[in-house]
Amino acid sequence: MDSQNTSNGKVQIIVAIIGAIVAIVVACIAHFSFKPTQPQQQDVTINGTIADQISNDPISNARVLVIGTSINTTSDNDGSFTFKLHNFKDSSITFRILENGYPTQDYSYSLNGDIKIMLVKRR
C-alpha cells in the first residue's frame, strides 16, 4: 500500500506542476495577445479655402493655426491654404483662423475632405 500512496502522491505533484505550467502559459498568451491597438499614425495634408460669408470673396493672408501644435500657415491670394501633419493619429483636428476685421474662430474638422471656411466681419 505504501508504494501505491507514493505513486498517487507523485501523480498529484505532476498534475499540480502541469496545472501551474498551463496557468503560466495562458497568462502569457493573454498578456501578449490582447494589448489594445494604438491608433495608426499617418501623414495628412489638409487643403482649405477662406472666404467672406457675405461677398464670397477670398480672404488672403489669414492665419490658420492648428490648436495644440506649432503648425500654422497663411492663406494665399485665392484664400487657399495647405498644411501637412506628420505622424498624425487623430481623426479630427481643431484649428483657429485669425484675420483682421473678423472675430477669431476655432473650427473642429474631421479628416474627410477639403475645408471651406466662411467668415463674417465684425460689426
N, C-alpha and C. Protein backbone atom coordinates (compact mmCIF):
# COMPACT_ATOMS: atom_id res chain seq x y z
N MET A 1 0.80 -1.18 0.00
CA MET A 1 0.00 0.00 0.00
C MET A 1 0.85 1.26 0.00
N ASP A 2 2.02 1.22 0.62
CA ASP A 2 2.87 2.40 0.67
C ASP A 2 3.33 2.81 -0.72
N SER A 3 3.61 1.86 -1.58
CA SER A 3 4.05 2.21 -2.93
C SER A 3 2.91 2.83 -3.73
N GLN A 4 1.68 2.37 -3.47
CA GLN A 4 0.55 2.96 -4.17
C GLN A 4 0.31 4.39 -3.68
N ASN A 5 0.43 4.65 -2.40
CA ASN A 5 0.29 6.01 -1.86
C ASN A 5 1.39 6.91 -2.40
N THR A 6 2.60 6.37 -2.50
CA THR A 6 3.71 7.15 -3.03
C THR A 6 3.45 7.47 -4.50
N SER A 7 2.95 6.51 -5.26
CA SER A 7 2.64 6.74 -6.68
C SER A 7 1.54 7.78 -6.83
N ASN A 8 0.51 7.67 -6.00
CA ASN A 8 -0.57 8.65 -6.06
C ASN A 8 -0.06 10.04 -5.71
N GLY A 9 0.83 10.13 -4.74
CA GLY A 9 1.42 11.40 -4.36
C GLY A 9 2.24 12.01 -5.48
N LYS A 10 3.00 11.14 -6.18
CA LYS A 10 3.81 11.62 -7.30
C LYS A 10 2.91 12.11 -8.44
N VAL A 11 1.83 11.38 -8.69
CA VAL A 11 0.90 11.77 -9.75
C VAL A 11 0.26 13.12 -9.40
N GLN A 12 -0.12 13.32 -8.15
CA GLN A 12 -0.73 14.58 -7.74
C GLN A 12 0.26 15.74 -7.91
N ILE A 13 1.51 15.49 -7.58
CA ILE A 13 2.54 16.54 -7.74
C ILE A 13 2.71 16.87 -9.22
N ILE A 14 2.78 15.84 -10.06
CA ILE A 14 2.94 16.06 -11.51
C ILE A 14 1.74 16.81 -12.07
N VAL A 15 0.54 16.45 -11.64
CA VAL A 15 -0.68 17.13 -12.10
C VAL A 15 -0.65 18.60 -11.66
N ALA A 16 -0.20 18.86 -10.43
CA ALA A 16 -0.13 20.23 -9.93
C ALA A 16 0.89 21.05 -10.72
N ILE A 17 2.02 20.44 -11.05
CA ILE A 17 3.05 21.14 -11.83
C ILE A 17 2.54 21.44 -13.23
N ILE A 18 1.88 20.47 -13.85
CA ILE A 18 1.32 20.69 -15.20
C ILE A 18 0.27 21.79 -15.15
N GLY A 19 -0.58 21.80 -14.12
CA GLY A 19 -1.60 22.85 -13.96
C GLY A 19 -0.96 24.23 -13.83
N ALA A 20 0.14 24.31 -13.07
CA ALA A 20 0.83 25.59 -12.90
C ALA A 20 1.44 26.05 -14.22
N ILE A 21 2.03 25.13 -14.96
CA ILE A 21 2.62 25.47 -16.26
C ILE A 21 1.55 25.97 -17.22
N VAL A 22 0.40 25.28 -17.26
CA VAL A 22 -0.70 25.69 -18.13
C VAL A 22 -1.18 27.10 -17.74
N ALA A 23 -1.31 27.36 -16.44
CA ALA A 23 -1.75 28.68 -15.99
C ALA A 23 -0.77 29.77 -16.41
N ILE A 24 0.54 29.50 -16.32
CA ILE A 24 1.55 30.47 -16.74
C ILE A 24 1.47 30.72 -18.24
N VAL A 25 1.33 29.67 -19.03
CA VAL A 25 1.24 29.80 -20.49
C VAL A 25 0.00 30.62 -20.87
N VAL A 26 -1.13 30.33 -20.24
CA VAL A 26 -2.36 31.07 -20.54
C VAL A 26 -2.20 32.54 -20.17
N ALA A 27 -1.58 32.82 -19.02
CA ALA A 27 -1.36 34.21 -18.60
C ALA A 27 -0.45 34.95 -19.60
N CYS A 28 0.58 34.28 -20.08
CA CYS A 28 1.49 34.89 -21.06
C CYS A 28 0.77 35.18 -22.37
N ILE A 29 -0.02 34.23 -22.84
CA ILE A 29 -0.76 34.42 -24.08
C ILE A 29 -1.73 35.59 -23.94
N ALA A 30 -2.43 35.66 -22.81
CA ALA A 30 -3.38 36.76 -22.59
C ALA A 30 -2.65 38.10 -22.55
N HIS A 31 -1.51 38.14 -21.91
CA HIS A 31 -0.77 39.40 -21.79
C HIS A 31 -0.24 39.89 -23.14
N PHE A 32 0.28 39.00 -23.94
CA PHE A 32 0.91 39.41 -25.19
C PHE A 32 -0.06 39.46 -26.37
N SER A 33 -1.19 38.81 -26.28
CA SER A 33 -2.11 38.74 -27.41
C SER A 33 -3.19 39.79 -27.39
N PHE A 34 -3.53 40.34 -26.25
CA PHE A 34 -4.69 41.20 -26.14
C PHE A 34 -4.34 42.63 -25.75
N LYS A 35 -3.22 43.11 -26.21
CA LYS A 35 -2.86 44.51 -25.97
C LYS A 35 -3.75 45.38 -26.84
N PRO A 36 -4.22 46.52 -26.30
CA PRO A 36 -5.04 47.41 -27.15
C PRO A 36 -4.19 47.96 -28.30
N THR A 37 -4.82 48.09 -29.45
CA THR A 37 -4.09 48.61 -30.60
C THR A 37 -3.99 50.13 -30.51
N GLN A 38 -2.88 50.66 -30.94
CA GLN A 38 -2.67 52.10 -30.98
C GLN A 38 -3.26 52.64 -32.27
N PRO A 39 -3.79 53.87 -32.23
CA PRO A 39 -4.26 54.46 -33.49
C PRO A 39 -3.10 54.53 -34.48
N GLN A 40 -3.40 54.24 -35.72
CA GLN A 40 -2.37 54.25 -36.74
C GLN A 40 -1.98 55.69 -37.06
N GLN A 41 -0.69 55.96 -37.04
CA GLN A 41 -0.21 57.29 -37.37
C GLN A 41 -0.10 57.42 -38.88
N GLN A 42 -0.37 58.63 -39.36
CA GLN A 42 -0.33 58.86 -40.80
C GLN A 42 0.09 60.30 -41.06
N ASP A 43 0.56 60.52 -42.27
CA ASP A 43 0.82 61.88 -42.73
C ASP A 43 -0.45 62.38 -43.41
N VAL A 44 -0.88 63.58 -43.03
CA VAL A 44 -2.14 64.12 -43.54
C VAL A 44 -1.88 65.49 -44.15
N THR A 45 -2.42 65.72 -45.35
CA THR A 45 -2.37 67.04 -45.98
C THR A 45 -3.78 67.62 -45.94
N ILE A 46 -3.89 68.84 -45.43
CA ILE A 46 -5.20 69.49 -45.33
C ILE A 46 -5.19 70.71 -46.24
N ASN A 47 -6.20 70.76 -47.11
CA ASN A 47 -6.38 71.88 -48.02
C ASN A 47 -7.65 72.61 -47.64
N GLY A 48 -7.61 73.94 -47.68
CA GLY A 48 -8.81 74.69 -47.35
C GLY A 48 -8.86 76.02 -48.06
N THR A 49 -10.02 76.65 -47.97
CA THR A 49 -10.24 77.96 -48.55
C THR A 49 -10.98 78.82 -47.53
N ILE A 50 -10.58 80.06 -47.42
CA ILE A 50 -11.24 81.00 -46.52
C ILE A 50 -11.84 82.12 -47.36
N ALA A 51 -13.13 82.41 -47.12
CA ALA A 51 -13.82 83.45 -47.88
C ALA A 51 -14.76 84.22 -46.95
N ASP A 52 -15.13 85.42 -47.40
CA ASP A 52 -16.11 86.22 -46.68
C ASP A 52 -17.49 85.62 -46.92
N GLN A 53 -18.26 85.45 -45.84
CA GLN A 53 -19.55 84.78 -45.96
C GLN A 53 -20.56 85.59 -46.79
N ILE A 54 -20.47 86.90 -46.73
CA ILE A 54 -21.46 87.72 -47.45
C ILE A 54 -21.06 87.93 -48.91
N SER A 55 -19.83 88.34 -49.14
CA SER A 55 -19.41 88.64 -50.52
C SER A 55 -18.87 87.42 -51.26
N ASN A 56 -18.51 86.39 -50.51
CA ASN A 56 -17.88 85.18 -51.05
C ASN A 56 -16.49 85.46 -51.62
N ASP A 57 -15.94 86.65 -51.34
CA ASP A 57 -14.58 86.99 -51.78
C ASP A 57 -13.57 86.21 -50.96
N PRO A 58 -12.50 85.74 -51.60
CA PRO A 58 -11.46 85.04 -50.85
C PRO A 58 -10.77 85.98 -49.87
N ILE A 59 -10.35 85.44 -48.75
CA ILE A 59 -9.63 86.22 -47.75
C ILE A 59 -8.18 85.77 -47.77
N SER A 60 -7.31 86.70 -48.19
CA SER A 60 -5.88 86.37 -48.25
C SER A 60 -5.20 86.79 -46.95
N ASN A 61 -4.07 86.19 -46.70
CA ASN A 61 -3.23 86.48 -45.53
C ASN A 61 -3.89 86.19 -44.18
N ALA A 62 -4.92 85.34 -44.15
CA ALA A 62 -5.49 84.91 -42.88
C ALA A 62 -4.57 83.85 -42.28
N ARG A 63 -4.36 83.91 -40.98
CA ARG A 63 -3.52 82.91 -40.32
C ARG A 63 -4.37 81.72 -39.91
N VAL A 64 -3.85 80.54 -40.17
CA VAL A 64 -4.52 79.29 -39.80
C VAL A 64 -3.58 78.56 -38.85
N LEU A 65 -4.01 78.36 -37.61
CA LEU A 65 -3.19 77.70 -36.59
C LEU A 65 -3.83 76.37 -36.20
N VAL A 66 -3.03 75.31 -36.11
CA VAL A 66 -3.53 74.03 -35.62
C VAL A 66 -3.39 74.04 -34.11
N ILE A 67 -4.51 73.99 -33.40
CA ILE A 67 -4.52 74.07 -31.94
C ILE A 67 -3.76 72.87 -31.36
N GLY A 68 -2.91 73.15 -30.38
CA GLY A 68 -2.15 72.10 -29.71
C GLY A 68 -0.84 71.75 -30.39
N THR A 69 -0.50 72.49 -31.46
CA THR A 69 0.76 72.25 -32.17
C THR A 69 1.40 73.61 -32.48
N SER A 70 2.56 73.57 -33.06
CA SER A 70 3.20 74.81 -33.53
C SER A 70 2.97 75.00 -35.03
N ILE A 71 2.10 74.21 -35.62
CA ILE A 71 1.85 74.26 -37.07
C ILE A 71 0.91 75.41 -37.39
N ASN A 72 1.30 76.21 -38.38
CA ASN A 72 0.44 77.29 -38.84
C ASN A 72 0.79 77.62 -40.28
N THR A 73 -0.11 78.30 -40.94
CA THR A 73 0.12 78.73 -42.32
C THR A 73 -0.71 79.98 -42.56
N THR A 74 -0.58 80.54 -43.76
CA THR A 74 -1.30 81.75 -44.15
C THR A 74 -2.01 81.48 -45.47
N SER A 75 -3.23 81.98 -45.58
CA SER A 75 -3.95 81.80 -46.85
C SER A 75 -3.34 82.67 -47.93
N ASP A 76 -3.38 82.17 -49.17
CA ASP A 76 -2.79 82.91 -50.30
C ASP A 76 -3.82 83.89 -50.88
N ASN A 77 -3.52 84.47 -52.04
CA ASN A 77 -4.40 85.46 -52.66
C ASN A 77 -5.78 84.92 -53.01
N ASP A 78 -5.87 83.61 -53.24
CA ASP A 78 -7.15 82.98 -53.54
C ASP A 78 -7.88 82.52 -52.28
N GLY A 79 -7.31 82.82 -51.11
CA GLY A 79 -7.90 82.38 -49.84
C GLY A 79 -7.57 80.93 -49.52
N SER A 80 -6.74 80.31 -50.34
CA SER A 80 -6.41 78.89 -50.15
C SER A 80 -5.26 78.72 -49.16
N PHE A 81 -5.30 77.61 -48.44
CA PHE A 81 -4.20 77.25 -47.56
C PHE A 81 -4.00 75.74 -47.57
N THR A 82 -2.79 75.33 -47.26
CA THR A 82 -2.43 73.91 -47.19
C THR A 82 -1.44 73.73 -46.05
N PHE A 83 -1.62 72.67 -45.30
CA PHE A 83 -0.58 72.29 -44.36
C PHE A 83 -0.55 70.80 -44.19
N LYS A 84 0.60 70.30 -43.75
CA LYS A 84 0.80 68.86 -43.58
C LYS A 84 1.00 68.55 -42.10
N LEU A 85 0.38 67.48 -41.67
CA LEU A 85 0.56 66.97 -40.32
C LEU A 85 1.28 65.63 -40.44
N HIS A 86 2.43 65.52 -39.80
CA HIS A 86 3.21 64.29 -39.86
C HIS A 86 2.94 63.45 -38.63
N ASN A 87 2.87 62.14 -38.81
CA ASN A 87 2.61 61.19 -37.72
C ASN A 87 1.34 61.55 -36.96
N PHE A 88 0.32 61.93 -37.69
CA PHE A 88 -0.96 62.33 -37.09
C PHE A 88 -1.77 61.09 -36.78
N LYS A 89 -2.32 60.99 -35.57
CA LYS A 89 -3.03 59.77 -35.19
C LYS A 89 -4.49 59.99 -34.82
N ASP A 90 -4.96 61.23 -34.85
CA ASP A 90 -6.35 61.50 -34.51
C ASP A 90 -7.21 61.52 -35.77
N SER A 91 -8.53 61.47 -35.58
CA SER A 91 -9.42 61.52 -36.73
C SER A 91 -9.97 62.93 -36.97
N SER A 92 -9.63 63.85 -36.09
CA SER A 92 -10.06 65.24 -36.28
C SER A 92 -9.04 66.18 -35.65
N ILE A 93 -9.13 67.44 -36.06
CA ILE A 93 -8.24 68.47 -35.51
C ILE A 93 -9.09 69.71 -35.19
N THR A 94 -8.51 70.59 -34.41
CA THR A 94 -9.12 71.90 -34.18
C THR A 94 -8.12 72.94 -34.63
N PHE A 95 -8.58 73.88 -35.41
CA PHE A 95 -7.70 74.94 -35.84
C PHE A 95 -8.38 76.28 -35.65
N ARG A 96 -7.57 77.33 -35.62
CA ARG A 96 -8.03 78.69 -35.36
C ARG A 96 -7.71 79.57 -36.56
N ILE A 97 -8.67 80.43 -36.93
CA ILE A 97 -8.50 81.38 -38.02
C ILE A 97 -8.36 82.78 -37.42
N LEU A 98 -7.29 83.47 -37.81
CA LEU A 98 -7.04 84.84 -37.35
C LEU A 98 -6.96 85.76 -38.56
N GLU A 99 -7.82 86.76 -38.60
CA GLU A 99 -7.79 87.73 -39.69
C GLU A 99 -8.35 89.06 -39.19
N ASN A 100 -7.66 90.15 -39.52
CA ASN A 100 -8.12 91.48 -39.11
C ASN A 100 -9.51 91.74 -39.64
N GLY A 101 -10.36 92.30 -38.78
CA GLY A 101 -11.72 92.64 -39.18
C GLY A 101 -12.71 91.51 -38.97
N TYR A 102 -12.22 90.32 -38.62
CA TYR A 102 -13.08 89.16 -38.39
C TYR A 102 -12.82 88.63 -36.97
N PRO A 103 -13.86 88.11 -36.32
CA PRO A 103 -13.63 87.55 -34.99
C PRO A 103 -12.78 86.28 -35.09
N THR A 104 -11.94 86.06 -34.08
CA THR A 104 -11.15 84.82 -34.03
C THR A 104 -12.11 83.66 -33.81
N GLN A 105 -11.95 82.62 -34.63
CA GLN A 105 -12.85 81.48 -34.53
C GLN A 105 -12.05 80.19 -34.54
N ASP A 106 -12.52 79.21 -33.75
CA ASP A 106 -11.96 77.86 -33.75
C ASP A 106 -12.91 76.93 -34.49
N TYR A 107 -12.34 76.00 -35.23
CA TYR A 107 -13.12 75.04 -36.00
C TYR A 107 -12.60 73.63 -35.72
N SER A 108 -13.54 72.70 -35.54
CA SER A 108 -13.16 71.29 -35.47
C SER A 108 -13.39 70.71 -36.85
N TYR A 109 -12.51 69.86 -37.26
CA TYR A 109 -12.55 69.33 -38.62
C TYR A 109 -12.26 67.84 -38.61
N SER A 110 -13.14 67.05 -39.20
CA SER A 110 -12.90 65.62 -39.41
C SER A 110 -12.11 65.47 -40.69
N LEU A 111 -11.16 64.59 -40.67
CA LEU A 111 -10.26 64.42 -41.82
C LEU A 111 -10.95 63.63 -42.92
N ASN A 112 -11.83 64.30 -43.67
CA ASN A 112 -12.55 63.59 -44.72
C ASN A 112 -12.77 64.43 -45.98
N GLY A 113 -12.00 65.46 -46.19
CA GLY A 113 -12.15 66.26 -47.41
C GLY A 113 -11.57 67.64 -47.22
N ASP A 114 -11.70 68.46 -48.26
CA ASP A 114 -11.21 69.83 -48.20
C ASP A 114 -12.14 70.68 -47.34
N ILE A 115 -11.61 71.80 -46.87
CA ILE A 115 -12.32 72.68 -45.95
C ILE A 115 -12.69 73.97 -46.67
N LYS A 116 -13.90 74.46 -46.47
CA LYS A 116 -14.29 75.79 -46.94
C LYS A 116 -14.81 76.53 -45.71
N ILE A 117 -14.14 77.61 -45.35
CA ILE A 117 -14.49 78.38 -44.16
C ILE A 117 -15.03 79.73 -44.61
N MET A 118 -16.19 80.05 -44.11
CA MET A 118 -16.81 81.34 -44.42
C MET A 118 -16.77 82.19 -43.16
N LEU A 119 -16.12 83.37 -43.24
CA LEU A 119 -16.01 84.27 -42.11
C LEU A 119 -17.00 85.42 -42.24
N VAL A 120 -17.49 85.87 -41.09
CA VAL A 120 -18.40 87.01 -41.04
C VAL A 120 -17.68 88.16 -40.36
N LYS A 121 -17.67 89.34 -41.01
CA LYS A 121 -16.98 90.51 -40.44
C LYS A 121 -17.60 90.94 -39.13
N ARG A 122 -16.74 91.51 -38.29
CA ARG A 122 -17.24 92.11 -37.03
C ARG A 122 -18.09 93.31 -37.36
N ARG A 123 -19.01 93.58 -36.50
CA ARG A 123 -19.84 94.79 -36.66
C ARG A 123 -19.41 95.84 -35.69
